[in-house]
Structure formats: C-alpha cells, structure tokens
C-alpha cells in the first residue's frame, strides 16, 4: 500500500515537473486562465449598450414631434447625432455606419393626435447588432409611454392628482431585473465563460502533454520510471497533478475574477466547493480519455478551440435547451461544461444551494465515473503487458515485430522452396518424356 502511494506521488511530481518545463502546456495551464477571463470581463464591463448613435427624420416639424425627439435624445439608450431631411439621407448614414438606427416621425403625427386618433412613429435599426435594436426599441417605447401619459392627463381636466394617476395608470407596473441588476451581458455570459475556460484549457494542456509523450515514444526517447508500470497508479498520479493545478486556478477564476469586476456573487462557498469537486474530476478524466486519441501536440488545439463556441450554445445558457434538437441535447450531456455552466450560474447568480442544483451535481459525478472507467480502460489497453512505455518497451515492440516478420518470411520462403521444387520436378519429368520420345 505504502509503495503504491509513493509511486502515485512520484508520478504526480514528475507530471508537475513536465508541466512546468513545457512552455506550451504552461500557456494553457497558467497564462490563458489568468489573462483570458480578465480580457473577457473587461470587454463586457459596460454591461449594456448606451448612447447608440441614431438619426432622426422629422417630417411633421411640429412642437410635439420635436418634443418626442428631444425626449428620445435625453434617454440613456439613444443619442441623435443628426436630423435628416429625408430617409435617403438617413439610409446613407447607416450604410456608412455613422448611425445604427433611424427614428421617423411621419407628417401626420401631430394632426392625428389633435384629432384624437392613434399616431405612429417608425424606427429602423441596423440588425447586425441586436443590442442596437434593443436600445432603440426600449428608448422609443419609453418615450411613447411617457408622452401617452402626458396627453391623457391634458385631456382629463378637473381631476385631482390621485385621480389622474389612477386614470392614466390603473395598474402600476415596476420592472425589476432579478439576479442581474444591470440587465447586462457581463453577469449573464462571463460565469459561463469561466467554467468553459477550466474545461478547455485542461483538455488542451493534457492533450499537448500526451502528444509530446507519443512523439517521444515513437522515437524511442521516452524514459519513465518503474512506477509507471501500474496503470491505476499512473492514472491517479496524473489526475492528482492536474487537480492540484486547477484547484488553485478555480479559486482565481470563480471567486477572484467575479469580485474584481463586481459581478453578482451570491454563492455559498461551501456549496461552490462541493459542486466544483465532481466538475474538476469529470474534466480531468475527460481530458485524459481524449488524450489517448492525440498523436501530436497540435491536433488537440485545432479541434477543441473550434468547439468552444458550440459548447457555450449547447449548454443552454444563450438559447433554451428545450428548443434544441434532441441529438444536440444528447451530445451536450457528454461534456462536463454543460452541467458545470448551468450549476455554477445558478449558484453564483441566484444563490442556489447544493440541493437546488442536485441534477447537475449528480450528472457531474456520473460523468466523472464514466470518464474514469474509460480512461482506466484505455490505460489498461495501453499497458496491456507488464512493460513500461519507455525505451525498453519500444525495443521489445520492435523485436516482437521483427520476430513476427521473420516468421512470416520463413513461411513465405518455405512456400517458395516448395514451389521451386515442384517446378524442378515437373521440368525433369518433361525432359525425361521428351528424351524417351526422341529415342523411340
């Protein structure tokens, strides 16, 4: 037992030394987790889009139309940069990306209001950015509701202030954004990105290490100690090394980064710690299992960087999972990031306890168990003999291949000799037959 523990710690120590000595691995294990979340959080620190540049086309040119545009410009969402004479001029500004929207007040705007009819204001938006559309729509809607109330008050003369309030707004409404006070992208998206960074950088680093070992093993230059003889010890030793690295990275990513950028932090630390244990285990065994399919340092990078964005979508954080095709929902269940993102976002943003994320918590344990068995099976297959995958292992494989080739050549040689003997015997018989015929 003690010998196995010593071997496990030896494998763990060697794995940590390999990680430190490999610059590429250190980039994924250290530099990317340290800097990438800071970049993302800084880019989304504005939370929402404010002062979207728009242009106005006032065809009515009345006092009430000017009041509408003045109030629209005063909202925090919109900034009217220019008043255009017609729509063609406004379209040209949008084509040149000087503005991202147009507010059009038709020529019958004030006359319809005076006559007691419903008037309309048209808005046009550059849909290349949905946030521009949201700002334009919310700003114009807020101004129209405010002006509606003022017009109703003017028409209800002789009532008290309280009666006017009841008449203009029988049911009072109040808009409160729960768990995301700024109603912005930072509090909504960054927690999901932090979880995905843990999984993706771990996969890339482990696959890069595996690719290096495969290349050295292929050249016969991989020298490992006797402790690498036991597949179970190797698996636990490597896993322990990666867990130690990412336990520290998780504290930085999931606690310090949200604090630095003032994101919602309702998480109970005991709940978050308990939730991260199966997530890290699932990511470690997932990474080790995938590393068996890597044959060089670069192949893992080319594949898993490409699938990072689809994993965000499949997690259900940006689009409801219930509206996805069944095949994609099933595929999403295979990645630890799917359950990690959903659980972590609820823990840090909603203050959920472990019982509230029981489903994600249990699924992470299931994935950890499945990928542990897959990794162990791969190790047992790889270490199917009692040999160490070092130079001795390579030499023995080469000798075994030579013996097999020699045996096959011997078989082929025997067949060739047999065929030659048969040909010679046939030639002799023909010669004797021809000789007898010539003598007769």
Protein backbone atom coordinates (compact mmCIF):
# COMPACT_ATOMS: atom_id res chain seq x y z
CA UNK A 1 0.00 0.00 0.00
CA UNK A 2 2.74 2.45 1.00
CA UNK A 3 4.69 1.57 -2.13
CA UNK A 4 1.66 2.36 -4.29
CA UNK A 5 1.20 5.73 -2.54
CA UNK A 6 4.89 6.55 -3.05
CA UNK A 7 4.63 5.60 -6.71
CA UNK A 8 1.48 7.71 -7.08
CA UNK A 9 3.18 10.75 -5.54
CA UNK A 10 6.23 10.13 -7.73
CA UNK A 11 4.07 10.10 -10.88
CA UNK A 12 2.29 13.25 -9.68
CA UNK A 13 5.62 15.02 -9.04
CA UNK A 14 7.02 14.01 -12.43
CA UNK A 15 3.86 15.17 -14.15
CA UNK A 16 4.06 18.56 -12.43
CA UNK A 17 7.71 18.93 -13.43
CA UNK A 18 6.83 18.10 -17.04
CA UNK A 19 4.10 20.72 -17.00
CA UNK A 20 6.42 23.38 -15.64
CA UNK A 21 9.21 22.57 -18.12
CA UNK A 22 6.85 22.62 -21.13
CA UNK A 23 6.19 26.21 -22.24
CA UNK A 24 3.17 25.30 -24.37
CA UNK A 25 1.47 23.46 -21.51
CA UNK A 26 2.17 26.33 -19.10
CA UNK A 27 0.45 28.71 -21.53
CA UNK A 28 -2.77 26.66 -21.29
CA UNK A 29 -2.48 25.79 -17.60
CA UNK A 30 -1.40 29.21 -16.33
CA UNK A 31 -1.28 32.12 -18.80
CA UNK A 32 -4.65 31.57 -20.51
CA UNK A 33 -6.65 31.01 -17.27
CA UNK A 34 -5.01 34.09 -15.74
CA UNK A 35 -5.41 36.54 -18.62
CA UNK A 36 -8.31 35.30 -20.76
CA UNK A 37 -11.07 35.92 -18.16
CA UNK A 38 -9.68 39.40 -17.47
CA UNK A 39 -9.91 40.22 -21.17
CA UNK A 40 -13.46 38.89 -21.47
CA UNK A 41 -14.69 40.57 -18.32
CA UNK A 42 -13.11 43.89 -19.34
CA UNK A 43 -14.71 43.77 -22.81
CA UNK A 44 -18.15 43.23 -21.26
CA UNK A 45 -17.61 45.58 -18.30
CA UNK A 46 -20.01 48.10 -19.88
CA UNK A 47 -22.79 45.54 -19.32
CA UNK A 48 -25.28 47.27 -21.69
CA UNK A 49 -25.09 49.49 -24.77
CA UNK A 50 -25.71 53.18 -24.05
CA UNK A 51 -25.96 56.29 -26.26
CA UNK A 52 -26.49 54.39 -29.51
CA UNK A 53 -25.94 56.88 -32.37
CA UNK A 54 -29.17 57.33 -34.36
CA UNK A 55 -30.53 59.88 -36.81
CA UNK A 56 -33.99 61.48 -36.86
CA UNK A 57 -36.24 62.27 -39.81
CA UNK A 58 -38.94 64.75 -38.66
CA UNK A 59 -41.46 65.05 -41.48
CA UNK A 60 -44.08 66.64 -39.20
CA UNK A 61 -41.90 69.52 -37.91
CA UNK A 62 -44.35 70.35 -35.12
CA UNK A 63 -43.83 71.19 -31.45
CA UNK A 64 -45.00 67.75 -30.33
CA UNK A 65 -42.76 65.91 -32.81
CA UNK A 66 -39.75 67.95 -31.65
CA UNK A 67 -40.70 67.12 -28.06
CA UNK A 68 -40.75 63.41 -28.90
CA UNK A 69 -37.28 63.54 -30.50
CA UNK A 70 -35.90 65.69 -27.66
CA UNK A 71 -37.07 63.16 -25.07
CA UNK A 72 -35.65 60.29 -27.15
CA UNK A 73 -32.28 62.03 -27.23
CA UNK A 74 -32.46 62.52 -23.45
CA UNK A 75 -32.82 58.77 -22.75
CA UNK A 76 -29.64 56.92 -21.72
CA UNK A 77 -30.08 54.47 -24.62
CA UNK A 78 -30.11 56.87 -27.59
CA UNK A 79 -28.10 59.78 -28.95
CA UNK A 80 -29.45 61.65 -32.00
CA UNK A 81 -26.36 62.66 -33.94
CA UNK A 82 -28.13 64.35 -36.87
CA UNK A 83 -31.53 65.48 -38.14
CA UNK A 84 -32.00 64.39 -41.76
CA UNK A 85 -34.27 65.92 -44.35
CA UNK A 86 -35.40 62.61 -45.84
CA UNK A 87 -34.98 58.83 -45.49
CA UNK A 88 -32.42 58.60 -48.29
CA UNK A 89 -30.00 60.76 -46.33
CA UNK A 90 -30.66 58.66 -43.20
CA UNK A 91 -30.03 55.40 -45.10
CA UNK A 92 -26.74 56.76 -46.42
CA UNK A 93 -25.55 57.48 -42.87
CA UNK A 94 -26.49 53.93 -41.85
CA UNK A 95 -24.66 52.45 -44.85
CA UNK A 96 -21.55 54.38 -43.78
CA UNK A 97 -22.04 53.13 -40.18
CA UNK A 98 -22.28 56.68 -38.87
CA UNK A 99 -25.54 55.69 -37.19
CA UNK A 100 -27.22 52.42 -36.23
CA UNK A 101 -30.85 53.46 -36.34
CA UNK A 102 -33.43 55.90 -37.70
CA UNK A 103 -36.42 57.48 -35.95
CA UNK A 104 -39.03 58.58 -38.48
CA UNK A 105 -41.85 60.93 -37.37
CA UNK A 106 -44.49 60.96 -40.17
CA UNK A 107 -46.04 64.20 -41.44
CA UNK A 108 -49.47 63.43 -39.92
CA UNK A 109 -48.14 62.79 -36.39
CA UNK A 110 -49.47 65.94 -34.65
CA UNK A 111 -52.71 66.15 -36.69
CA UNK A 112 -53.71 62.62 -35.70
CA UNK A 113 -53.03 63.34 -32.02
CA UNK A 114 -55.05 66.55 -32.12
CA UNK A 115 -57.94 64.71 -33.79
CA UNK A 116 -57.87 62.08 -31.06
CA UNK A 117 -56.57 59.30 -33.27
CA UNK A 118 -53.62 56.99 -32.75
CA UNK A 119 -50.34 58.21 -34.24
CA UNK A 120 -47.29 56.14 -35.07
CA UNK A 121 -43.55 56.66 -35.01
CA UNK A 122 -41.40 54.34 -37.16
CA UNK A 123 -38.00 53.08 -36.08
CA UNK A 124 -35.41 51.41 -38.31
CA UNK A 125 -32.37 49.65 -36.92
CA UNK A 126 -29.15 48.05 -38.14
CA UNK A 127 -29.81 44.40 -37.22
CA UNK A 128 -26.15 43.42 -37.44
CA UNK A 129 -26.12 44.12 -33.70
CA UNK A 130 -29.15 43.06 -31.67
CA UNK A 131 -28.07 45.27 -28.78
CA UNK A 132 -28.54 48.33 -31.00
CA UNK A 133 -32.06 47.17 -31.77
CA UNK A 134 -32.79 46.62 -28.09
CA UNK A 135 -31.57 50.10 -27.15
CA UNK A 136 -33.53 51.80 -29.95
CA UNK A 137 -36.72 49.89 -29.21
CA UNK A 138 -36.57 50.40 -25.43
CA UNK A 139 -35.73 54.10 -25.77
CA UNK A 140 -38.52 54.84 -28.25
CA UNK A 141 -41.02 52.76 -26.24
CA UNK A 142 -40.16 54.56 -23.00
CA UNK A 143 -40.68 57.98 -24.63
CA UNK A 144 -44.00 56.96 -26.23
CA UNK A 145 -45.36 55.67 -22.92
CA UNK A 146 -44.31 58.85 -21.16
CA UNK A 147 -45.95 61.05 -23.79
CA UNK A 148 -49.11 58.91 -23.74
CA UNK A 149 -49.46 59.59 -20.05
CA UNK A 150 -48.94 63.34 -20.52
CA UNK A 151 -51.56 63.50 -23.31
CA UNK A 152 -54.11 61.61 -21.21
CA UNK A 153 -53.54 63.99 -18.29
CA UNK A 154 -54.16 67.02 -20.54
CA UNK A 155 -57.47 65.56 -21.68
CA UNK A 156 -58.67 64.72 -18.16
CA UNK A 157 -59.25 68.20 -16.79
CA UNK A 158 -60.79 68.80 -13.35
CA UNK A 159 -59.44 65.67 -11.62
CA UNK A 160 -57.19 65.52 -8.60
CA UNK A 161 -53.60 64.29 -8.82
CA UNK A 162 -54.56 60.91 -7.34
CA UNK A 163 -57.49 60.54 -9.75
CA UNK A 164 -55.22 61.40 -12.69
CA UNK A 165 -52.76 58.76 -11.53
CA UNK A 166 -55.47 56.11 -11.36
CA UNK A 167 -56.96 57.09 -14.73
CA UNK A 168 -53.66 57.16 -16.61
CA UNK A 169 -52.22 54.06 -14.95
CA UNK A 170 -54.90 51.83 -13.39
CA UNK A 171 -52.38 49.03 -12.84
CA UNK A 172 -48.98 50.28 -11.79
CA UNK A 173 -46.06 48.22 -13.02
CA UNK A 174 -42.46 48.13 -11.85
CA UNK A 175 -39.66 46.48 -13.81
CA UNK A 176 -37.13 44.69 -11.58
CA UNK A 177 -34.33 42.58 -13.03
CA UNK A 178 -33.68 39.67 -10.69
CA UNK A 179 -30.18 38.23 -10.22
CA UNK A 180 -28.74 40.53 -12.92
CA UNK A 181 -29.21 44.11 -11.65
CA UNK A 182 -27.60 45.77 -14.67
CA UNK A 183 -29.56 43.56 -17.10
CA UNK A 184 -26.27 43.24 -18.98
CA UNK A 185 -24.07 40.72 -20.70
CA UNK A 186 -21.27 40.55 -18.18
CA UNK A 187 -23.30 38.99 -15.38
CA UNK A 188 -25.06 36.72 -17.87
CA UNK A 189 -22.19 35.47 -20.03
CA UNK A 190 -18.92 35.68 -18.08
CA UNK A 191 -19.78 32.97 -15.48
CA UNK A 192 -20.38 30.51 -18.32
CA UNK A 193 -17.09 31.51 -19.99
CA UNK A 194 -15.17 30.99 -16.73
CA UNK A 195 -16.38 27.39 -16.44
CA UNK A 196 -15.63 26.70 -20.10
CA UNK A 197 -12.10 28.09 -19.69
CA UNK A 198 -11.40 25.49 -17.00
CA UNK A 199 -12.51 22.59 -19.18
CA UNK A 200 -10.96 23.75 -22.46
CA UNK A 201 -7.55 24.77 -21.12
CA UNK A 202 -7.30 21.50 -19.21
CA UNK A 203 -8.16 19.47 -22.31
CA UNK A 204 -5.66 21.39 -24.45
CA UNK A 205 -2.85 21.13 -21.91
CA UNK A 206 -3.34 17.42 -21.22
CA UNK A 207 -3.62 16.62 -24.94
CA UNK A 208 -0.44 18.58 -25.63
CA UNK A 209 1.40 16.57 -22.94
CA UNK A 210 0.05 13.33 -24.39
CA UNK A 211 1.10 14.36 -27.90
CA UNK A 212 4.63 15.06 -26.66
CA UNK A 213 4.85 11.67 -24.95
CA UNK A 214 3.58 9.92 -28.08
CA UNK A 215 6.18 11.63 -30.26
CA UNK A 216 8.99 10.74 -27.84
CA UNK A 217 7.72 7.18 -27.51
CA UNK A 218 7.63 6.83 -31.28
CA UNK A 219 11.27 7.93 -31.48
CA UNK A 220 12.28 5.65 -28.62
CA UNK A 221 13.31 8.59 -26.43
CA UNK A 222 10.73 8.36 -23.65
CA UNK A 223 12.33 7.25 -20.37
CA UNK A 224 9.99 6.57 -17.46
CA UNK A 225 10.49 5.07 -14.02
CA UNK A 226 9.30 1.72 -12.73
CA UNK A 227 6.35 3.43 -11.01
CA UNK A 228 4.74 3.80 -14.44
CA UNK A 229 4.27 0.04 -14.58
CA UNK A 230 0.88 0.14 -12.78
CA UNK A 231 -1.86 1.74 -14.94
CA UNK A 232 -4.02 2.63 -11.93
CA UNK A 233 -1.12 4.42 -10.23
CA UNK A 234 -0.35 6.32 -13.43
CA UNK A 235 -3.99 7.40 -13.84
CA UNK A 236 -4.35 8.60 -10.25
CA UNK A 237 -0.93 10.27 -10.28
CA UNK A 238 -1.62 12.25 -13.43
CA UNK A 239 -5.13 13.16 -12.19
CA UNK A 240 -3.77 14.41 -8.87
CA UNK A 241 -1.28 16.67 -10.66
CA UNK A 242 -3.96 18.29 -12.81
CA UNK A 243 -6.37 18.67 -9.88
CA UNK A 244 -3.72 20.47 -7.82
CA UNK A 245 -3.10 22.93 -10.64
CA UNK A 246 -6.77 23.61 -11.37
CA UNK A 247 -7.86 23.78 -7.75
CA UNK A 248 -5.80 26.97 -7.50
CA UNK A 249 -6.99 28.19 -10.91
CA UNK A 250 -10.61 27.60 -9.89
CA UNK A 251 -10.26 29.81 -6.82
CA UNK A 252 -8.91 32.60 -9.03
CA UNK A 253 -11.44 32.14 -11.85
CA UNK A 254 -14.60 31.56 -9.85
CA UNK A 255 -14.03 33.78 -6.81
CA UNK A 256 -11.46 36.48 -7.56
CA UNK A 257 -12.46 37.42 -11.13
CA UNK A 258 -16.18 37.96 -10.26
CA UNK A 259 -15.08 40.06 -7.29
CA UNK A 260 -12.71 42.21 -9.39
CA UNK A 261 -15.43 43.06 -11.94
CA UNK A 262 -18.33 43.41 -9.47
CA UNK A 263 -20.40 40.58 -10.92
CA UNK A 264 -23.25 39.00 -8.91
CA UNK A 265 -21.73 36.96 -6.07
CA UNK A 266 -24.47 35.16 -4.20
CA UNK A 267 -22.64 31.85 -3.98
CA UNK A 268 -22.30 29.96 -0.73
CA UNK A 269 -18.61 28.96 -0.57
CA UNK A 270 -19.31 25.51 0.86
CA UNK A 271 -21.84 24.85 -1.91
CA UNK A 272 -19.46 26.11 -4.60
CA UNK A 273 -16.59 23.99 -3.26
CA UNK A 274 -18.73 20.87 -3.12
CA UNK A 275 -20.01 21.49 -6.65
CA UNK A 276 -16.52 22.03 -8.09
CA UNK A 277 -15.18 18.69 -6.82
CA UNK A 278 -17.12 16.48 -9.29
CA UNK A 279 -16.71 19.10 -12.03
CA UNK A 280 -12.90 19.07 -11.77
CA UNK A 281 -12.82 15.26 -11.57
CA UNK A 282 -15.06 14.98 -14.64
CA UNK A 283 -12.86 17.45 -16.55
CA UNK A 284 -9.65 15.64 -15.56
CA UNK A 285 -10.80 12.17 -16.60
CA UNK A 286 -12.48 13.63 -19.71
CA UNK A 287 -9.17 15.25 -20.70
CA UNK A 288 -7.12 12.12 -20.03
CA UNK A 289 -9.50 9.96 -22.05
CA UNK A 290 -9.41 12.34 -25.01
CA UNK A 291 -5.61 12.49 -24.85
CA UNK A 292 -5.41 8.85 -25.99
CA UNK A 293 -6.66 9.94 -29.40
CA UNK A 294 -3.95 12.58 -29.82
CA UNK A 295 -0.88 11.77 -31.91
CA UNK A 296 0.90 15.13 -31.89
CA UNK A 297 0.99 18.34 -29.86
CA UNK A 298 -1.11 20.43 -32.24
CA UNK A 299 -4.10 18.22 -33.07
CA UNK A 300 -5.90 18.82 -29.75
CA UNK A 301 -5.54 22.57 -30.14
CA UNK A 302 -7.01 22.55 -33.65
CA UNK A 303 -10.08 20.57 -32.57
CA UNK A 304 -11.04 21.88 -29.14
CA UNK A 305 -10.57 25.57 -29.77
CA UNK A 306 -13.05 25.19 -32.65
CA UNK A 307 -15.73 23.55 -30.47
CA UNK A 308 -15.58 26.13 -27.63
CA UNK A 309 -18.35 28.33 -29.06
CA UNK A 310 -20.69 25.38 -29.83
CA UNK A 311 -20.26 24.23 -26.24
CA UNK A 312 -21.49 27.61 -24.98
CA UNK A 313 -24.58 27.28 -27.18
CA UNK A 314 -25.20 23.63 -26.24
CA UNK A 315 -25.05 24.45 -22.52
CA UNK A 316 -28.42 26.22 -22.84
CA UNK A 317 -27.14 29.48 -21.36
CA UNK A 318 -27.64 31.54 -24.53
CA UNK A 319 -30.53 29.57 -26.10
CA UNK A 320 -33.03 27.36 -24.24
CA UNK A 321 -32.00 23.70 -24.37
CA UNK A 322 -35.68 22.74 -24.63
CA UNK A 323 -35.77 24.33 -28.11
CA UNK A 324 -32.75 22.40 -29.38
CA UNK A 325 -32.98 19.18 -31.44
CA UNK A 326 -32.80 16.01 -29.38
CA UNK A 327 -29.48 14.92 -30.92
CA UNK A 328 -27.79 18.15 -29.84
CA UNK A 329 -29.27 17.92 -26.35
CA UNK A 330 -27.89 14.40 -26.02
CA UNK A 331 -24.47 15.47 -27.29
CA UNK A 332 -24.40 18.35 -24.80
CA UNK A 333 -24.84 15.90 -21.91
CA UNK A 334 -21.45 14.32 -22.70
CA UNK A 335 -19.47 17.46 -21.82
CA UNK A 336 -18.82 18.40 -18.17
CA UNK A 337 -19.04 22.08 -19.14
CA UNK A 338 -22.79 21.76 -19.88
CA UNK A 339 -23.69 20.79 -16.33
CA UNK A 340 -20.91 22.91 -14.82
CA UNK A 341 -22.16 26.08 -16.54
CA UNK A 342 -25.80 25.56 -15.55
CA UNK A 343 -24.95 24.72 -11.96
CA UNK A 344 -22.34 27.44 -11.45
CA UNK A 345 -24.51 30.19 -12.97
CA UNK A 346 -27.33 29.32 -10.61
CA UNK A 347 -25.01 29.11 -7.60
CA UNK A 348 -23.21 32.43 -8.18
CA UNK A 349 -26.10 34.37 -9.72
CA UNK A 350 -29.18 33.01 -7.91
CA UNK A 351 -27.61 31.93 -4.63
CA UNK A 352 -28.65 28.31 -5.22
CA UNK A 353 -27.66 25.68 -2.68
CA UNK A 354 -26.48 22.17 -3.46
CA UNK A 355 -30.00 20.79 -3.30
CA UNK A 356 -31.13 23.31 -5.90
CA UNK A 357 -28.53 22.05 -8.39
CA UNK A 358 -28.92 18.39 -7.46
CA UNK A 359 -29.47 17.32 -11.07
CA UNK A 360 -26.29 18.98 -12.39
CA UNK A 361 -24.33 17.81 -9.33
CA UNK A 362 -25.32 14.16 -9.79
CA UNK A 363 -24.73 14.24 -13.55
CA UNK A 364 -21.20 15.55 -12.97
CA UNK A 365 -20.49 12.61 -10.66
CA UNK A 366 -21.90 10.25 -13.30
CA UNK A 367 -19.66 11.78 -15.98
CA UNK A 368 -16.66 11.61 -13.65
CA UNK A 369 -17.31 7.89 -13.13
CA UNK A 370 -17.85 7.18 -16.82
CA UNK A 371 -14.72 9.00 -17.95
CA UNK A 372 -12.70 7.42 -15.13
CA UNK A 373 -13.66 3.96 -16.38
CA UNK A 374 -12.94 4.99 -19.98
CA UNK A 375 -9.53 6.37 -19.01
CA UNK A 376 -8.68 3.30 -16.94
CA UNK A 377 -9.71 1.01 -19.80
CA UNK A 378 -7.52 2.99 -22.17
CA UNK A 379 -4.58 2.76 -19.76
CA UNK A 380 -5.09 -0.98 -19.32
CA UNK A 381 -5.17 -1.39 -23.07
CA UNK A 382 -2.07 0.69 -23.48
CA UNK A 383 -0.26 -1.10 -20.64
CA UNK A 384 -1.63 -4.46 -21.69
CA UNK A 385 1.72 -6.05 -20.92
CA UNK A 386 3.90 -5.60 -17.85
CA UNK A 387 6.31 -3.37 -19.77
CA UNK A 388 6.93 0.29 -19.16
CA UNK A 389 6.29 2.58 -22.13
CA UNK A 390 9.91 3.75 -22.21
CA UNK A 391 12.90 2.76 -24.32
CA UNK A 392 12.71 -0.87 -23.18
CA UNK A 393 9.08 -1.01 -24.23
CA UNK A 394 9.95 0.36 -27.66
CA UNK A 395 12.84 -2.09 -28.13
CA UNK A 396 10.68 -5.04 -27.16
CA UNK A 397 7.93 -3.97 -29.53
CA UNK A 398 10.49 -3.66 -32.30
CA UNK A 399 11.95 -7.11 -31.51
CA UNK A 400 8.47 -8.59 -31.43
CA UNK A 401 7.66 -7.07 -34.79
CA UNK A 402 10.93 -8.39 -36.21
CA UNK A 403 10.18 -11.89 -34.91
CA UNK A 404 6.71 -11.80 -36.44
CA UNK A 405 8.13 -10.54 -39.73
CA UNK A 406 10.86 -13.20 -39.64
CA UNK A 407 8.27 -15.91 -39.07
CA UNK A 408 6.19 -14.63 -41.96
CA UNK A 409 9.27 -14.51 -44.20
CA UNK A 410 10.16 -18.09 -43.20
CA UNK A 411 6.67 -19.23 -44.13
CA UNK A 412 6.89 -17.40 -47.45
CA UNK A 413 10.39 -18.83 -48.02
CA UNK A 414 9.19 -22.38 -47.37
CA UNK A 415 6.34 -21.89 -49.83
CA UNK A 416 8.76 -20.54 -52.43
CA UNK A 417 11.09 -23.54 -51.93
CA UNK A 418 8.18 -25.94 -52.26
CA UNK A 419 7.02 -24.24 -55.47
CA UNK A 420 10.58 -24.31 -56.85
CA UNK A 421 10.95 -28.00 -56.05
CA UNK A 422 7.65 -28.75 -57.77
CA UNK A 423 8.73 -26.75 -60.83
CA UNK A 424 12.08 -28.56 -60.98
CA UNK A 425 10.38 -31.93 -60.67
CA UNK A 426 7.96 -31.01 -63.43
CA UNK A 427 10.84 -29.87 -65.66
CA UNK A 428 12.70 -33.17 -65.09
CA UNK A 429 9.61 -35.19 -65.96
CA UNK A 430 9.17 -33.26 -69.20
CA UNK A 431 12.83 -33.71 -70.12
CA UNK A 432 12.64 -37.45 -69.48
CA UNK A 433 9.46 -37.69 -71.52
CA UNK A 434 10.95 -35.79 -74.42
CA UNK A 435 14.15 -37.88 -74.29
CA UNK A 436 12.17 -41.14 -74.37
CA UNK A 437 10.12 -39.93 -77.31
CA UNK A 438 13.29 -38.97 -79.27
CA UNK A 439 14.95 -42.35 -78.58
CA UNK A 440 11.84 -44.23 -79.71
